[in-house]
């Protein structure tokens, strides 16, 4: 696994915006994620918008999890406390393993930006069929916080002492 020590491995990342009101024209969070991940050298393999519906979210994410060409899924939206926020309920049943520290670290980073309101964030992450799934809140600022504070390093095979790239099938990583 010498390549993991020094070589960047571009990942195929799918982005799902969960919203009852966003369109491709006004999806600023999806735009933010696409820019951040491509600027980091990864590929935006697919990008979709779906309504805040458990079945629709679960179906879209499950389709990407079943696709061996998708290494990472990042969702934005649907992680709050309103009655329509259902992203965690939709994706949690797909997880083979939950990444507990993701939500904990995100809320710690977010506290510096929005104070105690971060307690209402139910962002989560997990692993399913060698596909990493990260669920971020629906604002561009939250997407930047999650990417810059966690995902940029954890999705880079060169980051030490550990990263998530080896958990995917990318670049022959094992």
N, C-alpha and C. Protein backbone atom coordinates (compact mmCIF):
# COMPACT_ATOMS: atom_id res chain seq x y z
N UNK A 1 0.82 -1.18 0.00
CA UNK A 1 0.00 0.00 0.00
C UNK A 1 0.88 1.25 0.00
N UNK A 2 2.02 1.21 -0.65
CA UNK A 2 2.93 2.35 -0.68
C UNK A 2 2.29 3.58 -1.32
N UNK A 3 1.39 3.37 -2.29
CA UNK A 3 0.75 4.52 -2.94
C UNK A 3 -0.04 5.36 -1.95
N UNK A 4 -0.57 4.77 -0.91
CA UNK A 4 -1.36 5.51 0.07
C UNK A 4 -0.50 6.46 0.89
N UNK A 5 0.80 6.24 0.90
CA UNK A 5 1.68 7.10 1.68
C UNK A 5 2.03 8.40 0.97
N UNK A 6 2.05 8.40 -0.37
CA UNK A 6 2.52 9.58 -1.06
C UNK A 6 1.67 10.04 -2.24
N UNK A 7 0.76 9.22 -2.69
CA UNK A 7 0.03 9.53 -3.91
C UNK A 7 -1.42 9.95 -3.60
N UNK A 8 -1.85 11.04 -4.21
CA UNK A 8 -3.24 11.45 -4.12
C UNK A 8 -4.09 10.51 -4.96
N UNK A 9 -5.19 10.06 -4.42
CA UNK A 9 -6.11 9.19 -5.14
C UNK A 9 -7.43 9.95 -5.33
N UNK A 10 -7.74 10.35 -6.57
CA UNK A 10 -9.00 11.05 -6.78
C UNK A 10 -10.18 10.11 -6.58
N UNK A 11 -11.15 10.57 -5.85
CA UNK A 11 -12.34 9.77 -5.56
C UNK A 11 -13.51 10.23 -6.42
N UNK A 12 -14.40 9.31 -6.73
CA UNK A 12 -15.65 9.63 -7.42
C UNK A 12 -16.69 9.91 -6.34
N UNK A 13 -17.13 11.16 -6.29
CA UNK A 13 -18.02 11.61 -5.23
C UNK A 13 -19.36 12.03 -5.83
N UNK A 14 -20.44 11.49 -5.27
CA UNK A 14 -21.80 11.87 -5.67
C UNK A 14 -22.33 12.87 -4.64
N UNK A 15 -23.02 13.89 -5.11
CA UNK A 15 -23.57 14.93 -4.24
C UNK A 15 -25.09 14.93 -4.37
N UNK A 16 -25.75 14.84 -3.24
CA UNK A 16 -27.22 14.86 -3.20
C UNK A 16 -27.68 16.03 -2.35
N UNK A 17 -28.42 16.95 -2.94
CA UNK A 17 -29.04 18.03 -2.20
C UNK A 17 -30.45 17.59 -1.84
N UNK A 18 -30.76 17.63 -0.56
CA UNK A 18 -32.08 17.26 -0.06
C UNK A 18 -32.83 18.54 0.26
N UNK A 19 -33.88 18.82 -0.52
CA UNK A 19 -34.62 20.06 -0.33
C UNK A 19 -35.95 19.99 -1.07
N UNK A 20 -36.95 20.59 -0.48
CA UNK A 20 -38.25 20.69 -1.13
C UNK A 20 -38.33 21.92 -2.02
N UNK A 21 -37.33 22.79 -1.97
CA UNK A 21 -37.41 24.05 -2.69
C UNK A 21 -36.26 24.31 -3.66
N UNK A 22 -35.16 23.60 -3.56
CA UNK A 22 -34.00 23.90 -4.41
C UNK A 22 -34.18 23.34 -5.82
N UNK A 23 -33.59 24.08 -6.75
CA UNK A 23 -33.46 23.62 -8.13
C UNK A 23 -31.99 23.69 -8.48
N UNK A 24 -31.62 23.20 -9.63
CA UNK A 24 -30.21 23.26 -10.04
C UNK A 24 -29.74 24.72 -10.12
N UNK A 25 -30.65 25.61 -10.46
CA UNK A 25 -30.29 27.01 -10.61
C UNK A 25 -30.01 27.70 -9.27
N UNK A 26 -30.61 27.23 -8.18
CA UNK A 26 -30.40 27.91 -6.89
C UNK A 26 -29.83 26.98 -5.81
N UNK A 27 -29.20 25.91 -6.22
CA UNK A 27 -28.63 24.94 -5.29
C UNK A 27 -27.23 25.38 -4.87
N UNK A 28 -27.17 26.40 -4.02
CA UNK A 28 -25.87 26.95 -3.63
C UNK A 28 -25.05 25.96 -2.79
N UNK A 29 -25.69 25.13 -2.01
CA UNK A 29 -24.93 24.14 -1.22
C UNK A 29 -24.32 23.07 -2.12
N UNK A 30 -25.10 22.58 -3.06
CA UNK A 30 -24.56 21.62 -4.02
C UNK A 30 -23.43 22.22 -4.84
N UNK A 31 -23.61 23.48 -5.26
CA UNK A 31 -22.54 24.18 -5.99
C UNK A 31 -21.27 24.27 -5.15
N UNK A 32 -21.45 24.61 -3.87
CA UNK A 32 -20.32 24.74 -2.96
C UNK A 32 -19.57 23.42 -2.85
N UNK A 33 -20.29 22.34 -2.61
CA UNK A 33 -19.64 21.02 -2.48
C UNK A 33 -18.94 20.61 -3.77
N UNK A 34 -19.60 20.81 -4.89
CA UNK A 34 -18.98 20.44 -6.17
C UNK A 34 -17.68 21.21 -6.38
N UNK A 35 -17.68 22.49 -6.11
CA UNK A 35 -16.48 23.30 -6.26
C UNK A 35 -15.38 22.83 -5.30
N UNK A 36 -15.72 22.63 -4.04
CA UNK A 36 -14.72 22.21 -3.05
C UNK A 36 -14.10 20.87 -3.42
N UNK A 37 -14.90 19.90 -3.79
CA UNK A 37 -14.35 18.57 -4.06
C UNK A 37 -13.56 18.54 -5.36
N UNK A 38 -13.99 19.26 -6.37
CA UNK A 38 -13.21 19.28 -7.61
C UNK A 38 -11.93 20.09 -7.45
N UNK A 39 -11.99 21.18 -6.69
CA UNK A 39 -10.77 21.95 -6.42
C UNK A 39 -9.73 21.11 -5.68
N UNK A 40 -10.20 20.14 -4.89
CA UNK A 40 -9.30 19.26 -4.15
C UNK A 40 -8.77 18.12 -5.01
N UNK A 41 -9.26 17.99 -6.26
CA UNK A 41 -8.76 16.95 -7.16
C UNK A 41 -9.66 15.75 -7.32
N UNK A 42 -10.80 15.75 -6.66
CA UNK A 42 -11.75 14.64 -6.80
C UNK A 42 -12.68 14.89 -7.97
N UNK A 43 -13.49 13.89 -8.32
CA UNK A 43 -14.44 14.00 -9.41
C UNK A 43 -15.86 14.03 -8.87
N UNK A 44 -16.67 14.95 -9.36
CA UNK A 44 -18.10 14.94 -9.04
C UNK A 44 -18.73 13.97 -10.02
N UNK A 45 -18.94 12.73 -9.57
CA UNK A 45 -19.40 11.66 -10.44
C UNK A 45 -20.86 11.84 -10.82
N UNK A 46 -21.63 12.39 -9.92
CA UNK A 46 -23.05 12.63 -10.18
C UNK A 46 -23.56 13.63 -9.16
N UNK A 47 -24.56 14.38 -9.57
CA UNK A 47 -25.15 15.36 -8.67
C UNK A 47 -26.65 15.39 -8.90
N UNK A 48 -27.40 15.28 -7.80
CA UNK A 48 -28.86 15.25 -7.88
C UNK A 48 -29.47 16.11 -6.79
N UNK A 49 -30.75 16.41 -6.98
CA UNK A 49 -31.57 17.08 -5.98
C UNK A 49 -32.79 16.20 -5.78
N UNK A 50 -33.18 15.99 -4.52
CA UNK A 50 -34.41 15.25 -4.25
C UNK A 50 -35.15 15.91 -3.10
N UNK A 51 -36.42 15.63 -3.02
CA UNK A 51 -37.23 16.20 -1.95
C UNK A 51 -36.88 15.54 -0.62
N UNK A 52 -37.28 16.18 0.43
CA UNK A 52 -37.01 15.68 1.78
C UNK A 52 -38.01 14.58 2.12
N UNK A 53 -37.82 13.44 1.46
CA UNK A 53 -38.69 12.29 1.61
C UNK A 53 -37.81 11.07 1.89
N UNK A 54 -38.09 10.36 2.97
CA UNK A 54 -37.25 9.25 3.40
C UNK A 54 -37.03 8.24 2.28
N UNK A 55 -38.10 7.84 1.61
CA UNK A 55 -37.99 6.85 0.55
C UNK A 55 -37.15 7.33 -0.63
N UNK A 56 -37.35 8.58 -1.03
CA UNK A 56 -36.61 9.12 -2.16
C UNK A 56 -35.12 9.26 -1.83
N UNK A 57 -34.83 9.75 -0.64
CA UNK A 57 -33.42 9.89 -0.22
C UNK A 57 -32.76 8.52 -0.15
N UNK A 58 -33.41 7.59 0.52
CA UNK A 58 -32.84 6.24 0.69
C UNK A 58 -32.62 5.57 -0.66
N UNK A 59 -33.56 5.71 -1.57
CA UNK A 59 -33.44 5.09 -2.88
C UNK A 59 -32.26 5.66 -3.66
N UNK A 60 -32.10 6.98 -3.67
CA UNK A 60 -31.00 7.61 -4.41
C UNK A 60 -29.66 7.21 -3.81
N UNK A 61 -29.53 7.28 -2.48
CA UNK A 61 -28.26 6.94 -1.84
C UNK A 61 -27.96 5.45 -2.02
N UNK A 62 -28.96 4.60 -1.88
CA UNK A 62 -28.76 3.15 -2.05
C UNK A 62 -28.29 2.84 -3.48
N UNK A 63 -28.81 3.55 -4.46
CA UNK A 63 -28.36 3.36 -5.84
C UNK A 63 -26.89 3.67 -6.00
N UNK A 64 -26.45 4.74 -5.37
CA UNK A 64 -25.03 5.09 -5.44
C UNK A 64 -24.17 4.10 -4.66
N UNK A 65 -24.67 3.64 -3.52
CA UNK A 65 -23.93 2.64 -2.73
C UNK A 65 -23.75 1.35 -3.53
N UNK A 66 -24.72 1.00 -4.34
CA UNK A 66 -24.63 -0.22 -5.15
C UNK A 66 -23.71 -0.07 -6.35
N UNK A 67 -23.35 1.15 -6.70
CA UNK A 67 -22.51 1.43 -7.86
C UNK A 67 -21.04 1.40 -7.44
N UNK A 68 -20.26 0.42 -7.93
CA UNK A 68 -18.85 0.34 -7.51
C UNK A 68 -18.02 1.53 -7.99
N UNK A 69 -18.53 2.33 -8.91
CA UNK A 69 -17.82 3.50 -9.38
C UNK A 69 -17.97 4.72 -8.50
N UNK A 70 -18.86 4.66 -7.51
CA UNK A 70 -19.05 5.75 -6.56
C UNK A 70 -18.34 5.40 -5.27
N UNK A 71 -17.40 6.22 -4.84
CA UNK A 71 -16.63 5.96 -3.62
C UNK A 71 -17.20 6.67 -2.41
N UNK A 72 -17.80 7.84 -2.64
CA UNK A 72 -18.28 8.69 -1.55
C UNK A 72 -19.60 9.32 -1.97
N UNK A 73 -20.52 9.42 -1.02
CA UNK A 73 -21.76 10.18 -1.21
C UNK A 73 -21.77 11.27 -0.15
N UNK A 74 -22.00 12.50 -0.59
CA UNK A 74 -22.17 13.61 0.36
C UNK A 74 -23.56 14.19 0.14
N UNK A 75 -24.35 14.20 1.20
CA UNK A 75 -25.66 14.84 1.12
C UNK A 75 -25.58 16.19 1.82
N UNK A 76 -26.43 17.10 1.38
CA UNK A 76 -26.55 18.39 2.03
C UNK A 76 -28.03 18.68 2.20
N UNK A 77 -28.43 18.95 3.43
CA UNK A 77 -29.82 19.25 3.72
C UNK A 77 -30.53 18.12 4.42
N UNK A 78 -31.61 18.47 5.10
CA UNK A 78 -32.45 17.48 5.75
C UNK A 78 -31.92 16.94 7.06
N UNK A 79 -30.95 17.63 7.67
CA UNK A 79 -30.35 17.12 8.91
C UNK A 79 -30.76 17.91 10.14
N UNK A 80 -31.69 18.83 9.98
CA UNK A 80 -32.11 19.66 11.11
C UNK A 80 -33.20 19.00 11.94
N UNK A 81 -33.96 19.84 12.63
CA UNK A 81 -34.97 19.34 13.58
C UNK A 81 -36.41 19.57 13.12
N UNK A 82 -36.63 20.10 11.91
CA UNK A 82 -38.00 20.32 11.49
C UNK A 82 -38.66 18.99 11.13
N UNK A 83 -39.96 19.02 11.03
CA UNK A 83 -40.71 17.79 10.72
C UNK A 83 -40.32 17.20 9.37
N UNK A 84 -39.89 18.02 8.41
CA UNK A 84 -39.52 17.53 7.08
C UNK A 84 -38.07 17.06 7.00
N UNK A 85 -37.24 17.34 7.98
CA UNK A 85 -35.84 16.92 7.94
C UNK A 85 -35.73 15.43 8.21
N UNK A 86 -35.36 14.66 7.18
CA UNK A 86 -35.39 13.20 7.32
C UNK A 86 -34.16 12.49 6.76
N UNK A 87 -33.10 13.23 6.45
CA UNK A 87 -31.93 12.58 5.87
C UNK A 87 -31.32 11.52 6.81
N UNK A 88 -31.11 11.80 8.11
CA UNK A 88 -30.53 10.75 8.96
C UNK A 88 -31.38 9.48 9.01
N UNK A 89 -32.70 9.63 9.05
CA UNK A 89 -33.57 8.46 9.08
C UNK A 89 -33.51 7.67 7.78
N UNK A 90 -33.28 8.37 6.66
CA UNK A 90 -33.21 7.71 5.37
C UNK A 90 -31.92 6.93 5.16
N UNK A 91 -30.80 7.48 5.62
CA UNK A 91 -29.51 6.84 5.32
C UNK A 91 -29.02 5.90 6.42
N UNK A 92 -29.39 6.13 7.66
CA UNK A 92 -28.87 5.29 8.76
C UNK A 92 -29.12 3.80 8.54
N UNK A 93 -30.27 3.38 8.02
CA UNK A 93 -30.46 1.94 7.80
C UNK A 93 -29.50 1.34 6.77
N UNK A 94 -28.88 2.17 5.95
CA UNK A 94 -27.93 1.68 4.95
C UNK A 94 -26.56 1.40 5.54
N UNK A 95 -26.24 2.04 6.67
CA UNK A 95 -24.91 1.96 7.24
C UNK A 95 -24.59 0.55 7.75
N UNK A 96 -23.43 0.05 7.35
CA UNK A 96 -22.86 -1.16 7.96
C UNK A 96 -22.07 -0.75 9.20
N UNK A 97 -21.49 0.44 9.12
CA UNK A 97 -20.76 1.03 10.25
C UNK A 97 -21.09 2.52 10.29
N UNK A 98 -21.30 3.01 11.49
CA UNK A 98 -21.53 4.43 11.69
C UNK A 98 -20.20 5.09 12.07
N UNK A 99 -19.97 6.27 11.53
CA UNK A 99 -18.77 7.03 11.86
C UNK A 99 -19.18 8.07 12.89
N UNK A 100 -19.20 7.67 14.14
CA UNK A 100 -19.70 8.51 15.24
C UNK A 100 -18.97 9.84 15.33
N UNK A 101 -17.67 9.82 15.14
CA UNK A 101 -16.87 11.02 15.32
C UNK A 101 -17.17 12.12 14.31
N UNK A 102 -17.76 11.77 13.17
CA UNK A 102 -18.03 12.79 12.16
C UNK A 102 -19.00 13.84 12.68
N UNK A 103 -20.15 13.41 13.17
CA UNK A 103 -21.13 14.36 13.70
C UNK A 103 -20.60 15.11 14.91
N UNK A 104 -19.87 14.41 15.75
CA UNK A 104 -19.30 15.05 16.94
C UNK A 104 -18.32 16.16 16.55
N UNK A 105 -17.41 15.85 15.62
CA UNK A 105 -16.43 16.84 15.21
C UNK A 105 -17.09 17.98 14.43
N UNK A 106 -18.06 17.65 13.57
CA UNK A 106 -18.74 18.71 12.84
C UNK A 106 -19.39 19.70 13.81
N UNK A 107 -20.09 19.20 14.81
CA UNK A 107 -20.75 20.11 15.76
C UNK A 107 -19.73 20.93 16.56
N UNK A 108 -18.59 20.34 16.86
CA UNK A 108 -17.54 21.10 17.55
C UNK A 108 -17.04 22.24 16.67
N UNK A 109 -16.77 21.96 15.40
CA UNK A 109 -16.33 23.00 14.48
C UNK A 109 -17.42 24.05 14.26
N UNK A 110 -18.63 23.60 14.13
CA UNK A 110 -19.76 24.48 13.86
C UNK A 110 -20.07 25.39 15.05
N UNK A 111 -19.81 24.93 16.26
CA UNK A 111 -20.06 25.74 17.45
C UNK A 111 -19.32 27.07 17.37
N UNK A 112 -18.11 27.04 16.86
CA UNK A 112 -17.32 28.27 16.73
C UNK A 112 -17.98 29.26 15.77
N UNK A 113 -18.81 28.76 14.87
CA UNK A 113 -19.44 29.61 13.86
C UNK A 113 -20.86 30.03 14.24
N UNK A 114 -21.65 29.09 14.79
CA UNK A 114 -23.07 29.41 15.04
C UNK A 114 -23.50 29.21 16.49
N UNK A 115 -22.54 28.96 17.35
CA UNK A 115 -22.86 28.82 18.77
C UNK A 115 -23.73 27.61 19.06
N UNK A 116 -24.57 27.75 20.07
CA UNK A 116 -25.36 26.61 20.55
C UNK A 116 -26.39 26.11 19.54
N UNK A 117 -26.65 26.85 18.48
CA UNK A 117 -27.59 26.37 17.46
C UNK A 117 -27.10 25.08 16.80
N UNK A 118 -25.79 24.81 16.91
CA UNK A 118 -25.25 23.58 16.32
C UNK A 118 -25.83 22.32 16.96
N UNK A 119 -26.38 22.45 18.16
CA UNK A 119 -26.96 21.28 18.83
C UNK A 119 -28.13 20.71 18.02
N UNK A 120 -28.73 21.50 17.15
CA UNK A 120 -29.85 21.02 16.33
C UNK A 120 -29.40 20.32 15.06
N UNK A 121 -28.12 20.27 14.81
CA UNK A 121 -27.61 19.58 13.63
C UNK A 121 -27.55 18.08 13.90
N UNK A 122 -28.17 17.32 13.03
CA UNK A 122 -28.13 15.86 13.14
C UNK A 122 -27.29 15.25 12.03
N UNK A 123 -26.21 15.98 11.64
CA UNK A 123 -25.35 15.43 10.59
C UNK A 123 -24.78 14.09 11.06
N UNK A 124 -24.56 13.22 10.11
CA UNK A 124 -24.15 11.86 10.43
C UNK A 124 -23.29 11.32 9.29
N UNK A 125 -22.67 10.18 9.52
CA UNK A 125 -21.85 9.56 8.48
C UNK A 125 -21.76 8.06 8.75
N UNK A 126 -21.47 7.32 7.69
CA UNK A 126 -21.32 5.89 7.83
C UNK A 126 -20.69 5.28 6.58
N UNK A 127 -20.53 3.98 6.64
CA UNK A 127 -19.94 3.21 5.55
C UNK A 127 -20.93 2.13 5.14
N UNK A 128 -21.16 2.02 3.84
CA UNK A 128 -22.05 0.99 3.31
C UNK A 128 -21.46 0.45 2.01
N UNK A 129 -21.19 -0.82 1.95
CA UNK A 129 -20.67 -1.45 0.73
C UNK A 129 -19.44 -0.73 0.19
N UNK A 130 -18.53 -0.40 1.08
CA UNK A 130 -17.28 0.30 0.75
C UNK A 130 -17.51 1.69 0.17
N UNK A 131 -18.69 2.25 0.44
CA UNK A 131 -19.02 3.62 0.03
C UNK A 131 -19.18 4.45 1.29
N UNK A 132 -18.45 5.56 1.36
CA UNK A 132 -18.57 6.47 2.49
C UNK A 132 -19.76 7.39 2.25
N UNK A 133 -20.55 7.63 3.29
CA UNK A 133 -21.71 8.50 3.20
C UNK A 133 -21.58 9.55 4.30
N UNK A 134 -21.62 10.82 3.88
CA UNK A 134 -21.53 11.94 4.82
C UNK A 134 -22.75 12.83 4.61
N UNK A 135 -23.46 13.13 5.68
CA UNK A 135 -24.67 13.94 5.62
C UNK A 135 -24.43 15.27 6.34
N UNK A 136 -24.42 16.33 5.55
CA UNK A 136 -24.15 17.67 6.06
C UNK A 136 -25.44 18.50 6.09
N UNK A 137 -25.47 19.53 6.92
CA UNK A 137 -26.59 20.47 6.87
C UNK A 137 -26.68 21.16 5.51
N UNK A 138 -27.78 21.85 5.28
CA UNK A 138 -28.07 22.39 3.96
C UNK A 138 -27.61 23.79 3.64
N UNK A 139 -26.72 24.37 4.40
CA UNK A 139 -26.24 25.71 4.06
C UNK A 139 -24.85 25.62 3.44
N UNK A 140 -24.54 26.56 2.54
CA UNK A 140 -23.17 26.57 1.99
C UNK A 140 -22.11 26.69 3.08
N UNK A 141 -22.35 27.47 4.12
CA UNK A 141 -21.37 27.59 5.20
C UNK A 141 -21.14 26.25 5.89
N UNK A 142 -22.22 25.51 6.14
CA UNK A 142 -22.07 24.19 6.76
C UNK A 142 -21.30 23.24 5.85
N UNK A 143 -21.54 23.33 4.56
CA UNK A 143 -20.80 22.49 3.61
C UNK A 143 -19.32 22.83 3.63
N UNK A 144 -19.00 24.12 3.69
CA UNK A 144 -17.59 24.53 3.78
C UNK A 144 -16.97 24.04 5.09
N UNK A 145 -17.70 24.17 6.19
CA UNK A 145 -17.19 23.71 7.49
C UNK A 145 -16.90 22.22 7.44
N UNK A 146 -17.83 21.44 6.95
CA UNK A 146 -17.64 19.99 6.87
C UNK A 146 -16.51 19.60 5.95
N UNK A 147 -16.43 20.25 4.80
CA UNK A 147 -15.36 19.91 3.85
C UNK A 147 -14.00 20.36 4.38
N UNK A 148 -13.88 21.64 4.71
CA UNK A 148 -12.58 22.18 5.10
C UNK A 148 -12.10 21.65 6.44
N UNK A 149 -13.02 21.37 7.36
CA UNK A 149 -12.64 20.94 8.69
C UNK A 149 -12.47 19.45 8.86
N UNK A 150 -13.06 18.65 7.95
CA UNK A 150 -13.02 17.19 8.11
C UNK A 150 -12.73 16.47 6.79
N UNK A 151 -13.60 16.66 5.82
CA UNK A 151 -13.58 15.82 4.63
C UNK A 151 -12.35 16.03 3.75
N UNK A 152 -11.88 17.24 3.61
CA UNK A 152 -10.72 17.49 2.76
C UNK A 152 -9.55 16.60 3.17
N UNK A 153 -9.28 16.51 4.45
CA UNK A 153 -8.17 15.66 4.93
C UNK A 153 -8.53 14.19 4.92
N UNK A 154 -9.71 13.86 5.39
CA UNK A 154 -10.08 12.44 5.53
C UNK A 154 -10.31 11.75 4.19
N UNK A 155 -10.52 12.52 3.13
CA UNK A 155 -10.67 11.94 1.79
C UNK A 155 -9.40 12.09 0.96
N UNK A 156 -8.28 12.30 1.64
CA UNK A 156 -6.98 12.41 1.00
C UNK A 156 -6.10 11.27 1.52
N UNK A 157 -5.72 10.37 0.62
CA UNK A 157 -4.93 9.19 1.00
C UNK A 157 -3.59 9.54 1.64
N UNK A 158 -3.14 10.76 1.44
CA UNK A 158 -1.84 11.18 2.00
C UNK A 158 -1.94 11.64 3.44
N UNK A 159 -3.16 11.86 3.93
CA UNK A 159 -3.33 12.39 5.29
C UNK A 159 -2.98 11.32 6.33
N UNK A 160 -2.19 11.70 7.31
CA UNK A 160 -1.75 10.80 8.37
C UNK A 160 -2.12 11.37 9.72
N UNK A 161 -2.37 10.54 10.70
CA UNK A 161 -2.04 9.12 10.73
C UNK A 161 -3.06 8.21 10.06
N UNK A 162 -4.26 8.71 9.73
CA UNK A 162 -5.22 7.84 9.06
C UNK A 162 -6.19 8.70 8.24
N UNK A 163 -6.86 8.01 7.30
CA UNK A 163 -7.87 8.65 6.47
C UNK A 163 -8.86 7.58 6.05
N UNK A 164 -9.92 8.00 5.35
CA UNK A 164 -10.97 7.07 4.96
C UNK A 164 -10.77 6.43 3.58
N UNK A 165 -9.80 6.84 2.82
CA UNK A 165 -9.66 6.37 1.44
C UNK A 165 -9.52 4.86 1.38
N UNK A 166 -8.80 4.28 2.31
CA UNK A 166 -8.61 2.83 2.30
C UNK A 166 -9.90 2.06 2.55
N UNK A 167 -10.93 2.73 3.04
CA UNK A 167 -12.21 2.07 3.27
C UNK A 167 -13.03 1.91 1.99
N UNK A 168 -12.61 2.62 0.94
CA UNK A 168 -13.31 2.55 -0.34
C UNK A 168 -12.57 1.62 -1.29
N UNK A 169 -13.11 1.39 -2.45
CA UNK A 169 -12.45 0.58 -3.47
C UNK A 169 -11.63 1.43 -4.41
N UNK A 170 -11.36 2.66 -4.07
CA UNK A 170 -10.67 3.59 -4.97
C UNK A 170 -9.20 3.25 -5.15
N UNK A 171 -8.75 3.30 -6.37
CA UNK A 171 -7.33 3.18 -6.67
C UNK A 171 -6.69 1.91 -6.16
N UNK A 172 -7.47 0.86 -5.98
CA UNK A 172 -6.92 -0.38 -5.49
C UNK A 172 -6.62 -0.36 -4.00
N UNK A 173 -7.06 0.70 -3.30
CA UNK A 173 -6.82 0.78 -1.85
C UNK A 173 -7.53 -0.36 -1.15
N UNK A 174 -6.88 -0.89 -0.14
CA UNK A 174 -7.49 -1.99 0.61
C UNK A 174 -7.47 -1.69 2.08
